[in-house]
Amino acid sequence: MANKLTRLGGPGKFGAWVRYGGKPITQQQLDFAVKNYSVAILQPWELDAARYLKKRAPQMVVLAYKCLSSTRSYEPGPIYSSGVSYPLAQSMANSGKDFFAHRLNGDRIEWKGYPKHFQMQVWNAGYRWHWVDAVVREMRDSPFDGVMADNDVENDYYGLDLPIQGVESMTKIREHLDFLVAYAGIELNKIGKILVPNIAESRLRYGKWERHSAYGGGFEEVWLGWGPNDYLSSPYAVMQGREIANGSAGEVNLGATFAGLGGRSAASQKKVTILRTPLSDRKAAITGTDENFLYGLAGFWVFGGGAFTGISATHHDAYDEIPHAPELSYDLGDPVGGIIAQQTAQTRAFTHGWAALNTGSKDVTVKVPSGLVDAANRPVPSSFTLRAHQGVVYRRKA
């Protein structure tokens, strides 16, 4: 029953639509999402799209993007992707309450590689109050089920080049993001909304995933790797999978109705777990042959045991895509036993199928249960060789 509660998208829907890019949403994308995805992340101003998804797929979890750590000067408004909008931050700075971060020479800090993104003082209690107040007010009567809170950072990804004014090291930033996530999560749960942070590199800090996913769930943006040919080493991949699986257990206590279950009242709800893996080839993602996507999907089943919510695959900072693979619709059912390690290969059997991935850099020969077929309905041999960073998802023959 626990797995069924977690699969909010319904039977056969295990995809995540990580769609917070700049291109307008098309009707084709909306209808594809209704058919294939269990979760969607949209920009907070895409209210009509959120309403459409919730009406036609009421069990889909639809989240609004909000950045914890920055404000963006290029957005026209009136709805913004940051908790504290640039106009509000500028107005407050003009009145003497400055929440912008500053270098030692007094300059504001624009993120390296992301023009017009400005670092905010997450270590400032006033900033955190205004962030939570604005987001809760915006979400209260919103069609969104909650917020995906981006940039719950672990390290300096954006060229802060510490020290800066008020901050000597990343330890202080991490500690105060802990405070912001907890504060925002508690207040959003009070109004029946969830908070799903983009929990960066959770494997590096024991218990971070469990703590930061306590208010709705978690999002791992670099599932099993950073880029098309830049994978986590086998020990780190296994650590990541187990940490997320362990931290995703448990429930979220809500203070009101959670729309993610079709508007039914719920005192608590299973956590949402969203994964995004890097694509290797754009065309292959459409035809269903992208090996990175299959690698990530195999890990979704092996480590999650059927309890994770949705998985996506995109190119770096390319969030307008609607990736798919035939295997994404396979409901493997419930796990039959735990994970079996065969050197660097991790395999797991399910009532309706089997999944395996090789997290290492060398080929591994794996033993396969009988009665399985691939996406072309061809019988799977009793053993075969998994290449480095290859994943497979097979169904039981009907």
Protein backbone atom coordinates (compact mmCIF):
# COMPACT_ATOMS: atom_id res chain seq x y z
CA MET A 1 0.00 0.00 0.00
CA ALA A 2 2.87 2.39 0.75
CA ASN A 3 4.19 2.17 -2.80
CA LYS A 4 0.76 2.83 -4.27
CA LEU A 5 0.36 5.94 -2.14
CA THR A 6 3.72 7.24 -3.31
CA ARG A 7 2.88 6.71 -6.99
CA LEU A 8 0.68 9.78 -7.12
CA GLY A 9 0.62 9.84 -10.91
CA GLY A 10 -1.30 6.59 -11.04
CA PRO A 11 -0.46 3.22 -12.61
CA GLY A 12 2.19 3.33 -15.30
CA LYS A 13 3.22 6.94 -14.66
CA PHE A 14 6.78 7.26 -13.40
CA GLY A 15 8.03 10.28 -15.36
CA ALA A 16 8.85 13.74 -14.03
CA TRP A 17 8.38 16.84 -16.16
CA VAL A 18 11.15 19.16 -14.99
CA ARG A 19 9.92 22.10 -17.03
CA TYR A 20 11.11 25.47 -15.87
CA GLY A 21 12.75 26.71 -19.03
CA GLY A 22 12.06 29.84 -21.01
CA LYS A 23 9.97 28.51 -23.91
CA PRO A 24 6.17 28.69 -23.72
CA ILE A 25 4.36 25.48 -22.85
CA THR A 26 2.57 23.84 -25.77
CA GLN A 27 -0.71 21.97 -25.70
CA GLN A 28 1.13 18.89 -26.96
CA GLN A 29 3.46 19.00 -23.95
CA LEU A 30 0.56 19.34 -21.53
CA ASP A 31 -1.29 16.36 -23.00
CA PHE A 32 1.90 14.29 -23.08
CA ALA A 33 2.50 15.10 -19.41
CA VAL A 34 -1.04 14.08 -18.45
CA LYS A 35 -0.51 10.73 -20.14
CA ASN A 36 3.02 9.94 -18.97
CA TYR A 37 4.14 11.89 -15.91
CA SER A 38 3.51 11.60 -12.19
CA VAL A 39 5.00 14.97 -11.29
CA ALA A 40 5.58 18.33 -12.96
CA ILE A 41 7.71 21.33 -11.98
CA LEU A 42 6.55 24.56 -13.63
CA GLN A 43 7.35 28.23 -13.32
CA PRO A 44 5.11 29.86 -10.69
CA TRP A 45 3.38 32.10 -13.24
CA GLU A 46 2.29 29.09 -15.34
CA LEU A 47 -0.99 28.92 -13.43
CA ASP A 48 -3.17 27.91 -16.38
CA ALA A 49 -0.89 24.96 -17.11
CA ALA A 50 -1.02 23.90 -13.45
CA ARG A 51 -4.82 24.04 -13.46
CA TYR A 52 -4.96 22.01 -16.68
CA LEU A 53 -2.73 19.29 -15.27
CA LYS A 54 -4.57 19.09 -11.95
CA LYS A 55 -7.96 18.90 -13.70
CA ARG A 56 -6.96 16.10 -16.08
CA ALA A 57 -4.52 14.25 -13.83
CA PRO A 58 -5.58 15.09 -10.26
CA GLN A 59 -3.10 12.65 -8.73
CA MET A 60 -0.15 14.33 -10.48
CA VAL A 61 2.02 16.40 -8.13
CA VAL A 62 2.40 19.87 -9.67
CA LEU A 63 5.03 22.10 -8.10
CA ALA A 64 5.97 25.75 -8.56
CA TYR A 65 9.64 26.65 -8.99
CA LYS A 66 11.10 29.01 -6.38
CA CYS A 67 14.77 29.83 -5.77
CA LEU A 68 15.97 29.83 -2.17
CA SER A 69 19.27 31.61 -2.75
CA SER A 70 18.94 34.21 -5.51
CA THR A 71 16.78 36.91 -7.00
CA ARG A 72 16.66 37.61 -10.75
CA SER A 73 16.62 41.12 -12.20
CA TYR A 74 15.42 40.08 -15.68
CA GLU A 75 11.96 38.85 -14.71
CA PRO A 76 9.07 41.22 -15.59
CA GLY A 77 6.66 39.99 -12.90
CA PRO A 78 4.15 40.25 -11.35
CA ILE A 79 4.96 36.64 -10.34
CA TYR A 80 8.61 35.75 -9.80
CA SER A 81 10.75 32.62 -9.58
CA SER A 82 12.42 33.91 -6.40
CA GLY A 83 10.92 34.03 -2.95
CA VAL A 84 12.06 37.65 -2.56
CA SER A 85 11.59 39.31 -5.95
CA TYR A 86 14.17 41.69 -7.37
CA PRO A 87 11.83 44.73 -7.20
CA LEU A 88 11.07 43.99 -3.53
CA ALA A 89 14.74 43.40 -2.72
CA GLN A 90 15.72 46.63 -4.49
CA SER A 91 13.01 48.62 -2.72
CA MET A 92 14.09 47.27 0.66
CA ALA A 93 17.74 48.02 -0.09
CA ASN A 94 16.80 51.61 -0.97
CA SER A 95 15.05 51.93 2.40
CA GLY A 96 18.07 50.63 4.30
CA LYS A 97 17.13 46.93 4.71
CA ASP A 98 19.53 45.28 2.25
CA PHE A 99 19.16 41.52 1.69
CA PHE A 100 21.57 41.35 -1.25
CA ALA A 101 24.87 39.59 -0.58
CA HIS A 102 28.00 41.74 -1.04
CA ARG A 103 31.64 41.12 -1.73
CA LEU A 104 34.22 42.56 0.66
CA ASN A 105 34.46 45.64 -1.59
CA GLY A 106 30.71 46.22 -1.32
CA ASP A 107 29.67 44.94 -4.79
CA ARG A 108 26.60 42.82 -5.19
CA ILE A 109 27.34 39.22 -6.18
CA GLU A 110 26.09 38.19 -9.60
CA TRP A 111 26.26 34.43 -10.13
CA LYS A 112 29.02 33.16 -12.37
CA GLY A 113 27.50 31.66 -15.50
CA TYR A 114 24.02 32.99 -14.69
CA PRO A 115 23.75 36.69 -15.59
CA LYS A 116 21.31 38.80 -13.60
CA HIS A 117 21.04 36.20 -10.83
CA PHE A 118 22.05 37.87 -7.55
CA GLN A 119 23.03 36.03 -4.38
CA MET A 120 20.83 36.83 -1.39
CA GLN A 121 21.63 36.80 2.33
CA VAL A 122 20.18 33.40 3.24
CA TRP A 123 21.99 33.80 6.58
CA ASN A 124 19.83 36.85 7.39
CA ALA A 125 16.74 36.07 9.50
CA GLY A 126 14.89 38.99 7.90
CA TYR A 127 15.47 37.59 4.42
CA ARG A 128 14.20 34.19 5.49
CA TRP A 129 11.04 35.73 7.00
CA HIS A 130 10.26 37.71 3.84
CA TRP A 131 10.97 34.64 1.64
CA VAL A 132 8.54 32.45 3.60
CA ASP A 133 5.90 35.16 3.97
CA ALA A 134 5.84 35.91 0.23
CA VAL A 135 5.81 32.26 -0.88
CA VAL A 136 3.12 31.16 1.59
CA ARG A 137 0.85 34.05 0.58
CA GLU A 138 1.35 33.19 -3.09
CA MET A 139 0.72 29.48 -2.63
CA ARG A 140 -2.28 29.71 -0.30
CA ASP A 141 -4.97 29.77 -3.03
CA SER A 142 -2.77 28.43 -5.81
CA PRO A 143 -3.49 25.39 -8.03
CA PHE A 144 0.03 24.17 -7.24
CA ASP A 145 0.48 21.37 -4.72
CA GLY A 146 3.54 23.13 -3.34
CA VAL A 147 7.00 24.42 -4.14
CA MET A 148 10.17 22.98 -5.63
CA ALA A 149 12.80 25.07 -3.83
CA ASP A 150 15.90 25.32 -6.00
CA ASN A 151 19.49 25.98 -4.96
CA ASP A 152 19.56 24.28 -1.59
CA VAL A 153 23.30 24.38 -2.19
CA GLU A 154 26.04 22.34 -0.54
CA ASN A 155 29.10 24.03 -2.07
CA ASP A 156 30.03 27.21 -3.94
CA TYR A 157 28.61 26.54 -7.42
CA TYR A 158 28.17 30.16 -8.49
CA GLY A 159 31.45 31.95 -7.88
CA LEU A 160 30.80 33.50 -4.49
CA ASP A 161 34.55 33.18 -3.83
CA LEU A 162 34.29 33.33 -0.06
CA PRO A 163 34.86 35.15 2.20
CA ILE A 164 32.22 37.78 1.49
CA GLN A 165 30.58 40.30 3.82
CA GLY A 166 29.15 38.39 6.78
CA VAL A 167 30.23 34.94 5.58
CA GLU A 168 33.60 33.25 6.02
CA SER A 169 32.76 29.80 4.65
CA MET A 170 30.03 27.65 3.08
CA THR A 171 29.31 26.17 6.49
CA LYS A 172 27.37 29.28 7.46
CA ILE A 173 25.37 29.27 4.22
CA ARG A 174 24.53 25.59 4.60
CA GLU A 175 23.44 26.03 8.21
CA HIS A 176 21.10 28.89 7.39
CA LEU A 177 19.65 27.11 4.36
CA ASP A 178 18.81 24.37 6.86
CA PHE A 179 16.86 27.00 8.83
CA LEU A 180 15.14 28.37 5.71
CA VAL A 181 14.07 24.94 4.45
CA ALA A 182 12.63 23.99 7.85
CA TYR A 183 10.85 27.32 8.30
CA ALA A 184 9.38 27.30 4.77
CA GLY A 185 8.40 23.65 5.03
CA ILE A 186 6.56 24.06 8.31
CA GLU A 187 4.61 27.10 7.11
CA LEU A 188 3.70 25.56 3.74
CA ASN A 189 2.56 22.32 5.40
CA LYS A 190 0.26 24.40 7.62
CA ILE A 191 -1.70 25.48 4.52
CA GLY A 192 -1.68 21.97 3.01
CA LYS A 193 1.19 22.58 0.57
CA ILE A 194 4.46 20.67 0.30
CA LEU A 195 8.08 21.79 0.00
CA VAL A 196 10.41 19.77 -2.23
CA PRO A 197 13.95 21.22 -2.18
CA ASN A 198 16.53 20.54 -4.86
CA ILE A 199 18.84 18.91 -2.32
CA ALA A 200 22.33 19.32 -3.76
CA GLU A 201 24.87 16.55 -3.14
CA SER A 202 22.99 15.11 -0.19
CA ARG A 203 25.36 12.13 -0.12
CA LEU A 204 28.10 14.43 1.23
CA ARG A 205 26.24 15.26 4.45
CA TYR A 206 24.73 12.41 6.40
CA GLY A 207 21.01 12.84 7.01
CA LYS A 208 20.63 15.94 4.81
CA TRP A 209 18.14 14.27 2.46
CA GLU A 210 15.99 13.03 5.33
CA ARG A 211 15.97 16.43 7.06
CA HIS A 212 15.35 18.55 3.97
CA SER A 213 12.73 16.21 2.48
CA ALA A 214 10.70 16.17 5.69
CA TYR A 215 8.17 18.74 4.42
CA GLY A 216 7.05 17.06 1.22
CA GLY A 217 9.99 15.34 -0.43
CA GLY A 218 13.22 15.93 -2.29
CA PHE A 219 14.58 16.50 -5.77
CA GLU A 220 17.99 15.15 -6.90
CA GLU A 221 19.09 17.06 -10.01
CA VAL A 222 22.28 15.07 -10.61
CA TRP A 223 21.07 11.49 -10.29
CA LEU A 224 24.06 9.14 -10.84
CA GLY A 225 26.03 11.78 -12.74
CA TRP A 226 26.68 15.42 -13.62
CA GLY A 227 26.80 15.21 -17.41
CA PRO A 228 26.51 12.88 -20.43
CA ASN A 229 29.92 11.30 -19.77
CA ASP A 230 30.54 12.49 -16.21
CA TYR A 231 29.25 9.86 -13.80
CA LEU A 232 29.44 9.40 -10.06
CA SER A 233 31.99 6.75 -9.17
CA SER A 234 30.48 3.43 -8.14
CA PRO A 235 30.82 3.97 -4.35
CA TYR A 236 29.30 7.45 -4.59
CA ALA A 237 26.48 6.25 -6.87
CA VAL A 238 25.54 3.50 -4.43
CA MET A 239 25.85 5.93 -1.51
CA GLN A 240 23.57 8.40 -3.30
CA GLY A 241 20.96 5.77 -4.08
CA ARG A 242 20.86 4.36 -0.57
CA GLU A 243 20.89 7.78 1.11
CA ILE A 244 17.92 8.97 -0.95
CA ALA A 245 16.03 5.70 -0.45
CA ASN A 246 16.56 5.80 3.32
CA GLY A 247 15.75 9.51 3.56
CA SER A 248 12.61 9.21 1.43
CA ALA A 249 10.91 6.85 3.86
CA GLY A 250 8.27 8.26 6.16
CA GLU A 251 5.38 10.65 5.79
CA VAL A 252 4.71 14.38 5.65
CA ASN A 253 2.25 15.85 8.15
CA LEU A 254 -0.06 18.35 6.47
CA GLY A 255 -2.23 20.93 8.10
CA ALA A 256 -4.95 20.97 5.45
CA THR A 257 -6.12 19.32 2.25
CA PHE A 258 -3.42 18.12 -0.14
CA ALA A 259 -4.52 18.47 -3.77
CA GLY A 260 -2.00 15.85 -4.88
CA LEU A 261 -4.52 13.14 -3.99
CA GLY A 262 -7.26 14.64 -6.10
CA GLY A 263 -8.39 17.06 -3.42
CA ARG A 264 -9.08 14.39 -0.78
CA SER A 265 -8.30 15.42 2.77
CA ALA A 266 -5.19 13.79 4.20
CA ALA A 267 -3.53 14.21 7.58
CA SER A 268 -0.29 12.88 6.11
CA GLN A 269 1.18 11.84 2.79
CA LYS A 270 4.15 9.81 1.60
CA LYS A 271 7.15 11.86 0.51
CA VAL A 272 7.65 12.83 -3.11
CA THR A 273 11.02 11.79 -4.59
CA ILE A 274 12.03 13.32 -7.93
CA LEU A 275 15.18 12.41 -9.86
CA ARG A 276 16.78 13.99 -12.92
CA THR A 277 19.58 12.31 -14.83
CA PRO A 278 21.68 13.88 -17.63
CA LEU A 279 20.72 13.00 -21.18
CA SER A 280 23.38 11.73 -23.58
CA ASP A 281 21.60 12.52 -26.83
CA ARG A 282 18.59 14.73 -27.56
CA LYS A 283 17.20 12.66 -30.46
CA ALA A 284 17.57 9.42 -28.54
CA ALA A 285 15.45 10.78 -25.70
CA ILE A 286 12.53 11.09 -28.11
CA THR A 287 13.02 7.71 -29.78
CA GLY A 288 13.50 5.98 -26.45
CA THR A 289 17.09 4.79 -26.90
CA ASP A 290 18.98 7.18 -24.65
CA GLU A 291 21.27 5.00 -22.54
CA ASN A 292 21.75 7.59 -19.80
CA PHE A 293 18.00 7.79 -19.31
CA LEU A 294 17.78 4.00 -19.03
CA TYR A 295 20.71 4.03 -16.60
CA GLY A 296 18.90 6.54 -14.40
CA LEU A 297 15.58 4.72 -14.73
CA ALA A 298 17.19 1.41 -13.71
CA GLY A 299 18.58 3.14 -10.62
CA PHE A 300 15.14 4.63 -9.96
CA TRP A 301 13.77 1.09 -9.60
CA VAL A 302 16.76 -0.67 -8.04
CA PHE A 303 17.41 1.85 -5.26
CA GLY A 304 13.84 3.10 -4.87
CA GLY A 305 12.21 -0.32 -4.89
CA GLY A 306 9.17 1.21 -6.58
CA ALA A 307 8.73 3.93 -3.94
CA PHE A 308 10.25 6.90 -5.84
CA THR A 309 7.77 9.23 -7.54
CA GLY A 310 9.17 10.37 -10.88
CA ILE A 311 12.31 10.54 -12.99
CA SER A 312 13.38 12.85 -15.81
CA ALA A 313 16.36 13.27 -18.12
CA THR A 314 17.47 16.57 -19.64
CA HIS A 315 20.54 18.25 -20.99
CA HIS A 316 22.37 20.73 -18.77
CA ASP A 317 20.08 23.65 -17.97
CA ALA A 318 17.70 22.47 -20.75
CA TYR A 319 14.33 22.41 -19.07
CA ASP A 320 11.92 22.57 -22.01
CA GLU A 321 12.25 18.90 -22.97
CA ILE A 322 9.68 16.10 -22.61
CA PRO A 323 11.88 12.99 -22.41
CA HIS A 324 10.38 9.55 -22.69
CA ALA A 325 11.31 5.90 -23.11
CA PRO A 326 9.07 2.83 -23.54
CA GLU A 327 10.44 1.49 -20.25
CA LEU A 328 9.18 4.60 -18.42
CA SER A 329 5.65 3.17 -18.49
CA TYR A 330 6.65 -0.21 -17.03
CA ASP A 331 5.13 -0.83 -13.62
CA LEU A 332 7.47 -3.46 -12.23
CA GLY A 333 5.29 -3.92 -9.18
CA ASP A 334 6.60 -4.62 -5.71
CA PRO A 335 10.19 -5.64 -4.91
CA VAL A 336 10.95 -9.30 -4.34
CA GLY A 337 13.80 -9.11 -1.85
CA GLY A 338 16.50 -6.49 -1.67
CA ILE A 339 19.29 -5.24 -3.92
CA ILE A 340 21.74 -7.89 -5.15
CA ALA A 341 25.29 -6.69 -5.84
CA GLN A 342 27.29 -8.46 -8.54
CA GLN A 343 30.63 -6.61 -8.43
CA THR A 344 29.67 -3.03 -9.40
CA ALA A 345 26.31 -4.13 -10.81
CA GLN A 346 23.19 -3.61 -8.70
CA THR A 347 20.14 -5.74 -9.57
CA ARG A 348 16.67 -6.11 -8.12
CA ALA A 349 13.71 -8.35 -8.87
CA PHE A 350 10.08 -7.24 -8.79
CA THR A 351 6.74 -8.99 -9.07
CA HIS A 352 6.37 -7.81 -12.66
CA GLY A 353 9.94 -7.33 -13.83
CA TRP A 354 13.61 -6.80 -13.11
CA ALA A 355 16.06 -3.89 -13.23
CA ALA A 356 19.86 -3.67 -13.19
CA LEU A 357 22.57 -1.04 -13.55
CA ASN A 358 26.35 -1.11 -13.58
CA THR A 359 27.68 1.84 -11.56
CA GLY A 360 31.32 0.93 -12.29
CA SER A 361 33.73 1.69 -15.12
CA LYS A 362 34.23 -1.94 -16.21
CA ASP A 363 31.84 -4.45 -17.79
CA VAL A 364 30.08 -6.91 -15.47
CA THR A 365 28.29 -10.15 -16.39
CA VAL A 366 25.01 -10.50 -14.50
CA LYS A 367 22.61 -13.38 -13.94
CA VAL A 368 19.05 -12.73 -15.04
CA PRO A 369 15.79 -14.30 -13.81
CA SER A 370 13.82 -16.32 -16.35
CA GLY A 371 10.68 -15.15 -18.12
CA LEU A 372 11.76 -11.56 -18.91
CA VAL A 373 11.36 -9.62 -22.17
CA ASP A 374 12.85 -6.34 -23.40
CA ALA A 375 11.06 -3.33 -24.92
CA ALA A 376 10.85 -5.14 -28.29
CA ASN A 377 9.23 -8.15 -26.54
CA ARG A 378 12.33 -10.29 -27.13
CA PRO A 379 13.28 -12.88 -24.48
CA VAL A 380 16.18 -11.85 -22.24
CA PRO A 381 19.02 -14.42 -21.92
CA SER A 382 19.87 -16.00 -18.56
CA SER A 383 23.02 -13.87 -18.34
CA PHE A 384 24.51 -10.96 -20.25
CA THR A 385 27.17 -8.29 -19.91
CA LEU A 386 26.28 -4.88 -18.53
CA ARG A 387 28.60 -2.23 -19.89
CA ALA A 388 29.95 0.54 -17.70
CA HIS A 389 27.14 2.91 -16.68
CA GLN A 390 24.51 0.89 -18.49
CA GLY A 391 21.05 0.21 -17.09
CA VAL A 392 18.24 -2.11 -18.16
CA VAL A 393 14.58 -2.42 -17.19
CA TYR A 394 12.75 -5.59 -18.25
CA ARG A 395 9.17 -6.81 -17.87
CA ARG A 396 7.92 -10.28 -17.12
CA LYS A 397 6.44 -11.98 -20.15
CA ALA A 398 2.66 -11.83 -20.02
